[in-house]
Amino acid sequence: MRMWLKRWRDVNGLTQKQAARAVEIPETTFASYEQGHRSPSVDRAKTIAEKMNDISRGEDVKWTYFFDDVVLISSTKRSEEVS
């Protein structure tokens, strides 16, 4: 599971459906990315990250997060290690 993606959704107060709509992909595709069952292409990851950053309330999302095993997400004053 890509906990960083779920955390991003939670921080921004979005359901999977709302998040999928915001980044303009099908809800099932977003859910598959979040659950770690699928990965986007590099081009799609770049596009999704750009759209996520347009609405994000927190740290910028890097497109490479989709391909990392562990991502550090900073939230307020602390960092959490999530995979």
N, C-alpha and C. Protein backbone atom coordinates (compact mmCIF):
# COMPACT_ATOMS: atom_id res chain seq x y z
N MET A 1 0.84 -1.19 0.00
CA MET A 1 0.00 0.00 0.00
C MET A 1 0.88 1.25 0.00
N ARG A 2 0.48 2.23 -0.77
CA ARG A 2 1.19 3.51 -0.79
C ARG A 2 0.57 4.42 0.27
N MET A 3 1.11 4.29 1.48
CA MET A 3 0.57 5.07 2.59
C MET A 3 0.73 6.57 2.36
N TRP A 4 1.77 6.98 1.65
CA TRP A 4 1.96 8.41 1.39
C TRP A 4 0.80 8.97 0.58
N LEU A 5 0.24 8.15 -0.31
CA LEU A 5 -0.86 8.60 -1.15
C LEU A 5 -2.14 8.73 -0.33
N LYS A 6 -2.37 7.76 0.54
CA LYS A 6 -3.52 7.84 1.45
C LYS A 6 -3.37 9.03 2.38
N ARG A 7 -2.16 9.22 2.89
CA ARG A 7 -1.90 10.35 3.79
C ARG A 7 -2.17 11.67 3.07
N TRP A 8 -1.75 11.78 1.83
CA TRP A 8 -2.02 12.99 1.04
C TRP A 8 -3.52 13.23 0.94
N ARG A 9 -4.27 12.17 0.66
CA ARG A 9 -5.72 12.28 0.57
C ARG A 9 -6.32 12.76 1.88
N ASP A 10 -5.88 12.13 2.97
CA ASP A 10 -6.40 12.48 4.30
C ASP A 10 -6.09 13.94 4.66
N VAL A 11 -4.85 14.36 4.44
CA VAL A 11 -4.44 15.73 4.75
C VAL A 11 -5.29 16.74 3.97
N ASN A 12 -5.66 16.37 2.76
CA ASN A 12 -6.43 17.28 1.92
C ASN A 12 -7.93 17.05 2.01
N GLY A 13 -8.34 16.14 2.91
CA GLY A 13 -9.76 15.91 3.16
C GLY A 13 -10.53 15.35 1.98
N LEU A 14 -9.89 14.45 1.24
CA LEU A 14 -10.51 13.90 0.03
C LEU A 14 -10.80 12.41 0.16
N THR A 15 -11.91 11.99 -0.43
CA THR A 15 -12.18 10.57 -0.60
C THR A 15 -11.40 10.10 -1.83
N GLN A 16 -11.35 8.79 -2.05
CA GLN A 16 -10.69 8.30 -3.26
C GLN A 16 -11.38 8.85 -4.50
N LYS A 17 -12.69 8.91 -4.46
CA LYS A 17 -13.45 9.42 -5.61
C LYS A 17 -13.10 10.89 -5.88
N GLN A 18 -13.06 11.70 -4.83
CA GLN A 18 -12.72 13.12 -5.00
C GLN A 18 -11.28 13.31 -5.48
N ALA A 19 -10.37 12.52 -4.92
CA ALA A 19 -8.96 12.61 -5.32
C ALA A 19 -8.80 12.21 -6.78
N ALA A 20 -9.46 11.13 -7.17
CA ALA A 20 -9.39 10.67 -8.56
C ALA A 20 -9.92 11.74 -9.51
N ARG A 21 -11.02 12.34 -9.14
CA ARG A 21 -11.61 13.40 -9.97
C ARG A 21 -10.65 14.59 -10.06
N ALA A 22 -10.01 14.93 -8.94
CA ALA A 22 -9.09 16.08 -8.90
C ALA A 22 -7.88 15.89 -9.82
N VAL A 23 -7.40 14.64 -9.92
CA VAL A 23 -6.23 14.38 -10.77
C VAL A 23 -6.63 13.80 -12.13
N GLU A 24 -7.94 13.75 -12.36
CA GLU A 24 -8.50 13.37 -13.66
C GLU A 24 -8.13 11.96 -14.11
N ILE A 25 -8.32 11.01 -13.19
CA ILE A 25 -8.18 9.60 -13.54
C ILE A 25 -9.38 8.86 -12.96
N PRO A 26 -9.69 7.66 -13.47
CA PRO A 26 -10.80 6.90 -12.91
C PRO A 26 -10.56 6.54 -11.44
N GLU A 27 -11.64 6.48 -10.68
CA GLU A 27 -11.54 6.15 -9.26
C GLU A 27 -10.87 4.79 -9.05
N THR A 28 -11.20 3.82 -9.89
CA THR A 28 -10.60 2.49 -9.75
C THR A 28 -9.09 2.52 -9.98
N THR A 29 -8.65 3.37 -10.89
CA THR A 29 -7.22 3.51 -11.14
C THR A 29 -6.53 4.14 -9.94
N PHE A 30 -7.13 5.20 -9.40
CA PHE A 30 -6.55 5.85 -8.21
C PHE A 30 -6.46 4.84 -7.07
N ALA A 31 -7.53 4.08 -6.86
CA ALA A 31 -7.55 3.08 -5.78
C ALA A 31 -6.45 2.04 -6.00
N SER A 32 -6.25 1.62 -7.24
CA SER A 32 -5.19 0.65 -7.54
C SER A 32 -3.80 1.21 -7.27
N TYR A 33 -3.60 2.49 -7.57
CA TYR A 33 -2.33 3.15 -7.27
C TYR A 33 -2.12 3.22 -5.76
N GLU A 34 -3.16 3.64 -5.05
CA GLU A 34 -3.06 3.79 -3.59
C GLU A 34 -2.79 2.44 -2.91
N GLN A 35 -3.43 1.40 -3.39
CA GLN A 35 -3.26 0.08 -2.80
C GLN A 35 -1.97 -0.59 -3.24
N GLY A 36 -1.29 -0.01 -4.20
CA GLY A 36 -0.02 -0.56 -4.66
C GLY A 36 -0.16 -1.69 -5.66
N HIS A 37 -1.37 -1.89 -6.17
CA HIS A 37 -1.59 -2.96 -7.15
C HIS A 37 -1.10 -2.57 -8.54
N ARG A 38 -1.08 -1.28 -8.81
CA ARG A 38 -0.62 -0.78 -10.11
C ARG A 38 0.26 0.43 -9.90
N SER A 39 1.07 0.72 -10.91
CA SER A 39 1.89 1.93 -10.91
C SER A 39 1.63 2.68 -12.21
N PRO A 40 1.61 4.00 -12.14
CA PRO A 40 1.42 4.76 -13.38
C PRO A 40 2.69 4.76 -14.22
N SER A 41 2.54 5.11 -15.48
CA SER A 41 3.73 5.33 -16.31
C SER A 41 4.43 6.57 -15.78
N VAL A 42 5.65 6.78 -16.20
CA VAL A 42 6.40 7.96 -15.76
C VAL A 42 5.65 9.23 -16.16
N ASP A 43 5.18 9.29 -17.40
CA ASP A 43 4.46 10.48 -17.86
C ASP A 43 3.20 10.73 -17.04
N ARG A 44 2.46 9.67 -16.77
CA ARG A 44 1.23 9.83 -15.98
C ARG A 44 1.57 10.22 -14.54
N ALA A 45 2.63 9.64 -13.97
CA ALA A 45 3.03 9.99 -12.60
C ALA A 45 3.37 11.48 -12.52
N LYS A 46 4.05 12.00 -13.53
CA LYS A 46 4.40 13.42 -13.55
C LYS A 46 3.14 14.29 -13.61
N THR A 47 2.19 13.89 -14.44
CA THR A 47 0.94 14.64 -14.58
C THR A 47 0.14 14.60 -13.29
N ILE A 48 0.03 13.42 -12.68
CA ILE A 48 -0.73 13.28 -11.44
C ILE A 48 -0.09 14.11 -10.33
N ALA A 49 1.23 14.02 -10.20
CA ALA A 49 1.93 14.78 -9.15
C ALA A 49 1.71 16.28 -9.33
N GLU A 50 1.75 16.74 -10.56
CA GLU A 50 1.53 18.17 -10.83
C GLU A 50 0.13 18.59 -10.39
N LYS A 51 -0.87 17.77 -10.72
CA LYS A 51 -2.24 18.09 -10.33
C LYS A 51 -2.43 17.99 -8.82
N MET A 52 -1.77 17.02 -8.20
CA MET A 52 -1.84 16.90 -6.74
C MET A 52 -1.26 18.15 -6.08
N ASN A 53 -0.17 18.64 -6.60
CA ASN A 53 0.48 19.83 -6.03
C ASN A 53 -0.37 21.09 -6.21
N ASP A 54 -1.20 21.11 -7.25
CA ASP A 54 -2.07 22.26 -7.47
C ASP A 54 -3.11 22.41 -6.35
N ILE A 55 -3.50 21.29 -5.74
CA ILE A 55 -4.53 21.35 -4.69
C ILE A 55 -4.01 21.00 -3.31
N SER A 56 -2.75 20.64 -3.21
CA SER A 56 -2.18 20.15 -1.96
C SER A 56 -2.06 21.24 -0.89
N ARG A 57 -2.35 20.84 0.35
CA ARG A 57 -2.19 21.73 1.50
C ARG A 57 -0.86 21.49 2.21
N GLY A 58 -0.13 20.52 1.77
CA GLY A 58 1.11 20.17 2.46
C GLY A 58 2.31 20.23 1.54
N GLU A 59 3.24 19.37 1.84
CA GLU A 59 4.48 19.27 1.09
C GLU A 59 4.22 18.88 -0.36
N ASP A 60 5.06 19.36 -1.27
CA ASP A 60 4.93 18.99 -2.67
C ASP A 60 5.10 17.48 -2.85
N VAL A 61 4.29 16.94 -3.75
CA VAL A 61 4.37 15.53 -4.11
C VAL A 61 5.33 15.42 -5.29
N LYS A 62 6.29 14.54 -5.18
CA LYS A 62 7.23 14.30 -6.27
C LYS A 62 6.76 13.08 -7.07
N TRP A 63 6.84 13.16 -8.37
CA TRP A 63 6.35 12.06 -9.20
C TRP A 63 7.10 10.77 -8.91
N THR A 64 8.32 10.87 -8.43
CA THR A 64 9.12 9.68 -8.14
C THR A 64 8.57 8.88 -6.96
N TYR A 65 7.72 9.50 -6.14
CA TYR A 65 7.13 8.78 -5.00
C TYR A 65 6.41 7.51 -5.46
N PHE A 66 5.84 7.54 -6.65
CA PHE A 66 5.11 6.37 -7.15
C PHE A 66 6.03 5.16 -7.34
N PHE A 67 7.33 5.40 -7.41
CA PHE A 67 8.28 4.33 -7.69
C PHE A 67 9.23 4.04 -6.53
N ASP A 68 9.06 4.74 -5.42
CA ASP A 68 9.89 4.53 -4.23
C ASP A 68 9.24 3.53 -3.29
N ASP A 69 10.06 2.73 -2.61
CA ASP A 69 9.54 1.79 -1.63
C ASP A 69 9.15 2.49 -0.34
N VAL A 70 9.92 3.49 0.05
CA VAL A 70 9.66 4.23 1.28
C VAL A 70 9.69 5.72 0.96
N VAL A 71 8.70 6.43 1.45
CA VAL A 71 8.62 7.86 1.22
C VAL A 71 8.50 8.56 2.56
N LEU A 72 9.29 9.60 2.76
CA LEU A 72 9.18 10.41 3.97
C LEU A 72 8.26 11.58 3.67
N ILE A 73 7.21 11.68 4.46
CA ILE A 73 6.26 12.77 4.28
C ILE A 73 6.33 13.65 5.50
N SER A 74 6.56 14.93 5.29
CA SER A 74 6.59 15.80 6.45
C SER A 74 5.22 16.41 6.63
N SER A 75 4.80 16.37 7.85
CA SER A 75 3.49 16.87 8.21
C SER A 75 3.66 17.77 9.42
N THR A 76 3.26 18.98 9.31
CA THR A 76 3.50 19.99 10.34
C THR A 76 4.96 20.02 10.72
N LYS A 77 5.30 19.52 11.93
CA LYS A 77 6.69 19.62 12.39
C LYS A 77 7.37 18.27 12.51
N ARG A 78 6.80 17.23 11.99
CA ARG A 78 7.44 15.93 12.13
C ARG A 78 7.43 15.20 10.80
N SER A 79 8.27 14.22 10.70
CA SER A 79 8.31 13.39 9.50
C SER A 79 7.87 11.99 9.87
N GLU A 80 7.15 11.39 8.96
CA GLU A 80 6.72 10.01 9.16
C GLU A 80 7.28 9.17 8.03
N GLU A 81 7.79 8.02 8.37
CA GLU A 81 8.25 7.09 7.34
C GLU A 81 7.09 6.18 7.02
N VAL A 82 6.70 6.16 5.76
CA VAL A 82 5.60 5.32 5.33
C VAL A 82 6.00 4.57 4.08
N SER A 83 5.41 3.42 3.89
CA SER A 83 5.69 2.67 2.67
C SER A 83 4.42 2.31 1.98
